[in-house]
Amino acid sequence: MLIRAKAPLRISFAGGGTDVPPFPQQEGGCVLNATIDRYAYGTLRPRQDRQISVESLDFGMSVNYHIEDKLIYDGKLDLVKAAILNLNVQDSTGFELFLHSDAPPGSGLGASSAMMVALVGLLKEFKNLPLTDYDIADLAYVIERKELGIHGGLQDQYAAAFGGFNYIEFLPDRVVVNPLKISQDVMNELQYNMVLCYTGQTRLSAGIIEDQVKRYESREAETLQALRELKSLTVEMKNALLRRKLDEFGALMHEEWQYKKKMSSKISNPSLDALYETARRYGSLGGKVSGAGGGGYMMFYCRYDKKHKLMEKLKELGCTITDFDFEPFGLQVWRVNHG
């Protein structure tokens, strides 16, 4: 018997940064995001020899333990070790884990958090634990951000667990996921007019987020204003989407990117700025880096008759265009009778 899981990656339209503590605890944050048909995958196979083996294709790494070994955080697949410890699965007869994802770590699509959600889903099924989607997202957040101390926000875990288009509120004492009822024709039109491209620059989001938090805690006026404006723009973008005003949505994305860059000088760089300005000249109404910034994936909204020219130019500049569809489902776990 095998247990499999997949959790979708996401693109973040607006509000990224307002989900990073301590801002949501002090002022409340919100994001607008949607999951896409790119995934973090995991397979678990029970075994009877009291061994735990883990293979990660993304990191090209394998580790093996006896179930009585003390798991040490040493930089080798610590996400997996933390999940095993927090879900108390060392009291089993052993298992194998096989992990891989459709985007590299540092892509800006929330791949690391989606993998953590997939891991929690696998181990939940293995242990038959009664966890809700909120429980899974919260546990994934606690393991990644608090247990392992990886800097970042809250949105990625909730996007991967719930899936679809969501307006997510981060309140001082709780998270509220508001699924948006977007008609299929609006989703089709949004997807048709969007370009998602990989810039070729991976980045470590932790340093960017650390700088943003430091600026917020020191009450830098520009960072404070940017975070508050991002909250307001997130609500405007949600409303434009629900009212089917997609050109307005694209234009607001441009405003969102201008304010996002003000949160930290590390969010953009000269090559990303040049890429963005070129995209604007070739018909993009708006766009932004997906995730914390510094590289990874960029997305652009443009009218249908400009899209092909924009894509050709981005390819000339060394970007890789990624076709995608929106994914309505979050974490999915299933069992397979194997052999």
Protein backbone atom coordinates (compact mmCIF):
# COMPACT_ATOMS: atom_id res chain seq x y z
CA MET A 1 0.00 0.00 0.00
CA LEU A 2 1.18 3.51 -0.89
CA ILE A 3 -0.03 6.88 0.36
CA ARG A 4 0.37 9.77 -2.06
CA ALA A 5 -0.16 13.51 -1.65
CA LYS A 6 0.04 16.58 -3.81
CA ALA A 7 -0.27 20.21 -2.73
CA PRO A 8 -0.52 23.03 -5.29
CA LEU A 9 1.86 25.94 -5.69
CA ARG A 10 0.43 29.43 -5.77
CA ILE A 11 0.75 32.81 -7.39
CA SER A 12 0.27 35.78 -5.09
CA PHE A 13 -1.56 38.71 -6.67
CA ALA A 14 -1.53 41.14 -3.76
CA GLY A 15 -0.82 41.61 -0.07
CA GLY A 16 2.36 39.55 0.20
CA GLY A 17 4.36 40.96 3.11
CA THR A 18 1.31 41.85 5.21
CA ASP A 19 1.21 38.17 6.24
CA VAL A 20 4.71 38.31 7.77
CA PRO A 21 4.80 38.61 11.59
CA PRO A 22 4.69 40.85 13.52
CA PHE A 23 2.59 42.97 11.12
CA PRO A 24 -0.53 40.74 11.13
CA GLN A 25 -0.51 40.50 14.92
CA GLN A 26 -0.25 44.26 15.28
CA GLU A 27 -2.28 45.60 12.36
CA GLY A 28 -3.85 42.61 10.58
CA GLY A 29 -2.82 41.51 7.09
CA CYS A 30 -4.55 40.15 4.00
CA VAL A 31 -3.55 38.53 0.72
CA LEU A 32 -5.16 37.63 -2.57
CA ASN A 33 -3.77 34.49 -4.20
CA ALA A 34 -4.66 31.52 -6.38
CA THR A 35 -3.24 28.04 -6.74
CA ILE A 36 -1.98 26.76 -10.09
CA ASP A 37 -1.41 23.36 -11.69
CA ARG A 38 2.12 22.99 -10.34
CA TYR A 39 2.57 20.82 -7.27
CA ALA A 40 4.69 19.48 -4.46
CA TYR A 41 4.36 15.69 -4.43
CA GLY A 42 5.03 13.04 -1.81
CA THR A 43 4.72 9.26 -1.58
CA LEU A 44 4.86 7.26 1.64
CA ARG A 45 5.36 3.50 1.71
CA PRO A 46 5.07 1.74 5.08
CA ARG A 47 7.79 -0.75 5.93
CA GLN A 48 8.29 -3.27 8.72
CA ASP A 49 12.03 -3.06 9.47
CA ARG A 50 11.89 -0.01 11.79
CA GLN A 51 13.75 2.11 9.26
CA ILE A 52 12.88 5.59 7.94
CA SER A 53 14.26 6.50 4.52
CA VAL A 54 13.72 9.80 2.72
CA GLU A 55 14.62 10.73 -0.85
CA SER A 56 14.22 14.30 -2.15
CA LEU A 57 14.62 14.84 -5.89
CA ASP A 58 14.64 18.64 -5.48
CA PHE A 59 17.70 18.59 -3.26
CA GLY A 60 19.26 15.46 -4.77
CA MET A 61 19.55 14.02 -1.29
CA SER A 62 18.69 10.80 0.56
CA VAL A 63 18.79 10.10 4.28
CA ASN A 64 18.18 6.92 6.30
CA TYR A 65 17.42 6.45 9.99
CA HIS A 66 16.37 3.84 12.49
CA ILE A 67 13.11 4.82 14.16
CA GLU A 68 14.90 5.04 17.52
CA ASP A 69 17.59 7.43 16.21
CA LYS A 70 17.45 10.98 17.52
CA LEU A 71 16.66 13.29 14.60
CA ILE A 72 19.02 16.26 14.51
CA TYR A 73 18.44 19.44 12.52
CA ASP A 74 21.65 19.62 10.51
CA GLY A 75 20.55 21.16 7.20
CA LYS A 76 19.83 17.79 5.61
CA LEU A 77 16.10 17.60 4.87
CA ASP A 78 15.20 19.35 8.13
CA LEU A 79 11.65 20.03 6.87
CA VAL A 80 11.06 16.28 6.77
CA LYS A 81 12.63 15.65 10.17
CA ALA A 82 10.54 18.39 11.77
CA ALA A 83 7.34 16.98 10.26
CA ILE A 84 8.20 13.48 11.53
CA LEU A 85 8.90 14.79 15.03
CA ASN A 86 5.82 17.04 15.23
CA LEU A 87 3.42 14.34 14.03
CA ASN A 88 5.04 11.72 16.25
CA VAL A 89 5.41 9.08 13.54
CA GLN A 90 8.56 7.54 14.98
CA ASP A 91 6.37 5.12 16.92
CA SER A 92 5.59 3.25 13.67
CA THR A 93 7.28 0.21 12.16
CA GLY A 94 9.02 2.47 9.63
CA PHE A 95 8.34 4.01 6.22
CA GLU A 96 9.86 5.43 3.06
CA LEU A 97 9.25 8.96 1.77
CA PHE A 98 9.80 10.05 -1.84
CA LEU A 99 9.45 13.81 -2.48
CA HIS A 100 9.61 16.09 -5.49
CA SER A 101 8.06 19.31 -6.79
CA ASP A 102 7.36 21.12 -10.05
CA ALA A 103 9.35 24.24 -9.14
CA PRO A 104 12.73 24.69 -7.48
CA PRO A 105 13.11 26.09 -3.96
CA GLY A 106 13.51 29.87 -4.25
CA SER A 107 11.08 30.13 -7.17
CA GLY A 108 8.61 32.43 -5.41
CA LEU A 109 5.68 30.04 -5.93
CA GLY A 110 5.57 28.82 -2.34
CA ALA A 111 7.15 25.46 -3.17
CA SER A 112 8.75 24.85 0.24
CA SER A 113 5.51 25.48 2.12
CA ALA A 114 3.52 23.38 -0.36
CA MET A 115 5.96 20.53 0.29
CA MET A 116 5.46 20.94 4.03
CA VAL A 117 1.67 20.80 3.53
CA ALA A 118 2.06 17.65 1.40
CA LEU A 119 4.26 16.11 4.09
CA VAL A 120 1.76 16.88 6.85
CA GLY A 121 -0.98 15.41 4.63
CA LEU A 122 0.97 12.19 4.11
CA LEU A 123 1.79 11.72 7.78
CA LYS A 124 -1.76 12.64 8.82
CA GLU A 125 -3.10 9.89 6.55
CA PHE A 126 -0.45 7.44 7.74
CA LYS A 127 -1.36 8.09 11.39
CA ASN A 128 -5.08 8.51 10.66
CA LEU A 129 -5.15 11.89 12.46
CA PRO A 130 -8.36 14.02 12.45
CA LEU A 131 -6.83 17.25 11.11
CA THR A 132 -8.85 19.90 9.24
CA ASP A 133 -7.47 22.06 6.43
CA TYR A 134 -6.93 24.84 8.98
CA ASP A 135 -5.09 22.41 11.28
CA ILE A 136 -2.86 21.23 8.44
CA ALA A 137 -2.00 24.77 7.31
CA ASP A 138 -1.34 25.95 10.87
CA LEU A 139 0.83 22.94 11.69
CA ALA A 140 2.81 23.40 8.47
CA TYR A 141 3.33 27.08 9.40
CA VAL A 142 4.41 26.26 12.97
CA ILE A 143 6.89 23.60 11.80
CA GLU A 144 8.40 25.75 9.07
CA ARG A 145 8.45 29.18 10.70
CA LYS A 146 8.63 28.50 14.44
CA GLU A 147 10.19 25.06 14.84
CA LEU A 148 12.82 25.55 12.11
CA GLY A 149 12.99 29.36 12.25
CA ILE A 150 12.65 29.82 8.47
CA HIS A 151 11.67 33.44 7.88
CA GLY A 152 8.45 33.98 5.94
CA GLY A 153 4.74 34.66 6.07
CA LEU A 154 1.60 32.64 6.56
CA GLN A 155 -0.06 32.70 3.16
CA ASP A 156 1.76 29.83 1.41
CA GLN A 157 0.66 27.10 3.81
CA TYR A 158 -3.00 28.16 3.69
CA ALA A 159 -3.00 28.48 -0.12
CA ALA A 160 -1.57 24.97 -0.50
CA ALA A 161 -3.98 23.43 2.02
CA PHE A 162 -7.17 25.08 0.73
CA GLY A 163 -6.51 25.66 -3.00
CA GLY A 164 -8.43 27.86 -5.43
CA PHE A 165 -8.82 31.65 -5.39
CA ASN A 166 -8.70 32.96 -1.84
CA TYR A 167 -8.81 36.25 0.01
CA ILE A 168 -7.04 35.35 3.25
CA GLU A 169 -7.18 37.54 6.35
CA PHE A 170 -4.44 37.32 8.97
CA LEU A 171 -5.93 38.66 12.18
CA PRO A 172 -4.14 39.02 15.53
CA ASP A 173 -5.72 35.83 16.90
CA ARG A 174 -6.68 33.74 13.86
CA VAL A 175 -6.52 33.22 10.10
CA VAL A 176 -9.69 33.39 7.99
CA VAL A 177 -9.68 31.86 4.50
CA ASN A 178 -12.40 33.39 2.29
CA PRO A 179 -12.81 31.29 -0.90
CA LEU A 180 -13.78 33.54 -3.83
CA LYS A 181 -16.50 32.41 -6.17
CA ILE A 182 -14.88 33.25 -9.51
CA SER A 183 -16.82 32.16 -12.58
CA GLN A 184 -15.07 29.89 -15.05
CA ASP A 185 -15.18 32.48 -17.83
CA VAL A 186 -13.41 35.05 -15.61
CA MET A 187 -10.78 32.46 -14.67
CA ASN A 188 -10.30 31.59 -18.32
CA GLU A 189 -9.94 35.25 -19.30
CA LEU A 190 -7.50 35.99 -16.47
CA GLN A 191 -5.39 32.98 -17.35
CA TYR A 192 -5.52 33.86 -21.06
CA ASN A 193 -4.24 37.38 -20.43
CA MET A 194 -1.53 36.46 -17.94
CA VAL A 195 2.10 35.60 -18.60
CA LEU A 196 4.07 33.68 -16.00
CA CYS A 197 7.81 33.55 -16.57
CA TYR A 198 10.83 32.27 -14.73
CA THR A 199 13.50 34.97 -14.56
CA GLY A 200 16.33 32.48 -14.13
CA GLN A 201 17.27 34.07 -10.81
CA THR A 202 16.62 31.97 -7.72
CA ARG A 203 16.71 33.81 -4.44
CA LEU A 204 16.73 33.22 -0.70
CA SER A 205 13.56 34.86 0.57
CA ALA A 206 14.71 34.75 4.21
CA GLY A 207 17.14 37.68 3.82
CA ILE A 208 14.53 39.79 2.06
CA ILE A 209 11.90 39.10 4.69
CA GLU A 210 14.35 39.68 7.53
CA ASP A 211 15.13 43.12 6.10
CA GLN A 212 11.43 43.93 5.72
CA VAL A 213 10.69 42.91 9.32
CA LYS A 214 13.64 44.93 10.62
CA ARG A 215 12.38 48.02 8.79
CA TYR A 216 8.85 47.52 10.11
CA GLU A 217 10.01 47.02 13.69
CA SER A 218 12.15 50.16 13.50
CA ARG A 219 9.01 51.97 12.24
CA GLU A 220 10.51 53.18 8.97
CA ALA A 221 7.89 55.47 7.45
CA GLU A 222 8.21 54.15 3.87
CA THR A 223 7.86 50.51 4.92
CA LEU A 224 4.88 51.28 7.18
CA GLN A 225 3.12 53.21 4.41
CA ALA A 226 3.85 50.47 1.86
CA LEU A 227 2.40 47.69 4.03
CA ARG A 228 -0.74 49.69 4.76
CA GLU A 229 -1.21 50.61 1.11
CA LEU A 230 -0.77 46.95 0.15
CA LYS A 231 -3.65 46.01 2.46
CA SER A 232 -5.88 48.58 0.79
CA LEU A 233 -4.86 47.53 -2.72
CA THR A 234 -5.51 43.87 -1.90
CA VAL A 235 -9.14 44.70 -1.12
CA GLU A 236 -9.41 46.77 -4.31
CA MET A 237 -7.97 43.93 -6.41
CA LYS A 238 -10.31 41.39 -4.84
CA ASN A 239 -13.28 43.66 -5.64
CA ALA A 240 -12.09 44.24 -9.23
CA LEU A 241 -11.81 40.48 -9.71
CA LEU A 242 -15.26 39.81 -8.31
CA ARG A 243 -16.75 42.59 -10.46
CA ARG A 244 -15.07 41.07 -13.54
CA LYS A 245 -13.01 44.22 -14.20
CA LEU A 246 -9.83 42.50 -15.27
CA ASP A 247 -8.09 45.46 -16.93
CA GLU A 248 -8.57 47.33 -13.66
CA PHE A 249 -7.20 44.28 -11.84
CA GLY A 250 -4.09 44.37 -14.04
CA ALA A 251 -3.56 48.10 -13.48
CA LEU A 252 -3.89 47.64 -9.72
CA MET A 253 -1.24 44.91 -9.90
CA HIS A 254 1.13 47.59 -11.22
CA GLU A 255 0.36 49.81 -8.21
CA GLU A 256 0.83 46.86 -5.89
CA TRP A 257 4.32 46.20 -7.26
CA GLN A 258 5.34 49.84 -6.80
CA TYR A 259 4.41 49.72 -3.10
CA LYS A 260 5.83 46.24 -2.56
CA LYS A 261 9.26 47.43 -3.68
CA LYS A 262 9.16 50.12 -0.98
CA MET A 263 9.00 47.55 1.83
CA SER A 264 12.66 46.63 1.35
CA SER A 265 15.45 47.59 -1.03
CA LYS A 266 16.13 43.86 -1.53
CA ILE A 267 12.74 43.05 -3.10
CA SER A 268 13.83 44.17 -6.56
CA ASN A 269 17.14 44.76 -8.32
CA PRO A 270 18.26 46.55 -11.50
CA SER A 271 17.78 43.50 -13.75
CA LEU A 272 14.25 42.86 -12.45
CA ASP A 273 13.39 46.55 -12.79
CA ALA A 274 14.64 46.56 -16.38
CA LEU A 275 12.66 43.40 -17.13
CA TYR A 276 9.51 44.92 -15.67
CA GLU A 277 9.88 48.18 -17.60
CA THR A 278 10.43 46.25 -20.83
CA ALA A 279 7.26 44.26 -20.16
CA ARG A 280 5.36 47.50 -19.65
CA ARG A 281 6.61 48.80 -23.00
CA TYR A 282 5.45 45.60 -24.67
CA GLY A 283 1.89 45.82 -23.42
CA SER A 284 1.78 44.70 -19.78
CA LEU A 285 -0.79 46.65 -17.74
CA GLY A 286 0.78 45.43 -14.53
CA GLY A 287 2.83 42.70 -12.98
CA LYS A 288 5.03 41.71 -10.08
CA VAL A 289 7.45 39.19 -8.72
CA SER A 290 5.62 36.24 -7.18
CA GLY A 291 6.72 35.71 -3.59
CA ALA A 292 9.11 37.69 -1.42
CA GLY A 293 11.04 39.16 -4.36
CA GLY A 294 14.63 39.16 -5.51
CA GLY A 295 14.05 36.78 -8.45
CA GLY A 296 12.15 33.60 -9.16
CA TYR A 297 8.93 33.94 -11.15
CA MET A 298 7.40 37.16 -12.45
CA MET A 299 3.86 37.47 -13.73
CA PHE A 300 2.31 40.04 -16.01
CA TYR A 301 -1.24 40.93 -17.01
CA CYS A 302 -1.65 42.18 -20.57
CA ARG A 303 -4.39 42.44 -23.16
CA TYR A 304 -4.75 39.42 -25.43
CA ASP A 305 -3.44 41.16 -28.58
CA LYS A 306 -0.17 42.14 -26.83
CA LYS A 307 0.56 38.86 -25.11
CA HIS A 308 2.42 37.11 -27.93
CA LYS A 309 4.79 40.08 -28.45
CA LEU A 310 5.48 40.27 -24.74
CA MET A 311 6.23 36.55 -24.57
CA GLU A 312 8.64 36.78 -27.52
CA LYS A 313 10.51 39.65 -25.86
CA LEU A 314 10.73 37.89 -22.50
CA LYS A 315 12.21 34.83 -24.21
CA GLU A 316 14.77 37.07 -25.94
CA LEU A 317 15.75 38.37 -22.50
CA GLY A 318 16.41 34.84 -21.23
CA CYS A 319 13.16 34.20 -19.39
CA THR A 320 11.32 30.88 -19.56
CA ILE A 321 7.57 31.12 -20.19
CA THR A 322 5.50 28.76 -18.04
CA ASP A 323 2.07 27.72 -19.25
CA PHE A 324 -0.35 27.21 -16.38
CA ASP A 325 -3.97 26.75 -15.42
CA PHE A 326 -5.63 27.62 -12.16
CA GLU A 327 -6.07 24.72 -9.75
CA PRO A 328 -9.35 24.70 -7.77
CA PHE A 329 -8.29 22.06 -5.24
CA GLY A 330 -5.87 22.25 -2.35
CA LEU A 331 -4.04 19.36 -0.69
CA GLN A 332 -5.13 15.97 -2.02
CA VAL A 333 -4.18 12.67 -0.37
CA TRP A 334 -5.02 9.19 -1.63
CA ARG A 335 -4.09 5.56 -1.14
CA VAL A 336 -2.89 3.14 -3.82
CA ASN A 337 -2.77 -0.64 -3.69
CA HIS A 338 0.65 -1.30 -5.12
CA GLY A 339 2.03 -4.63 -6.17
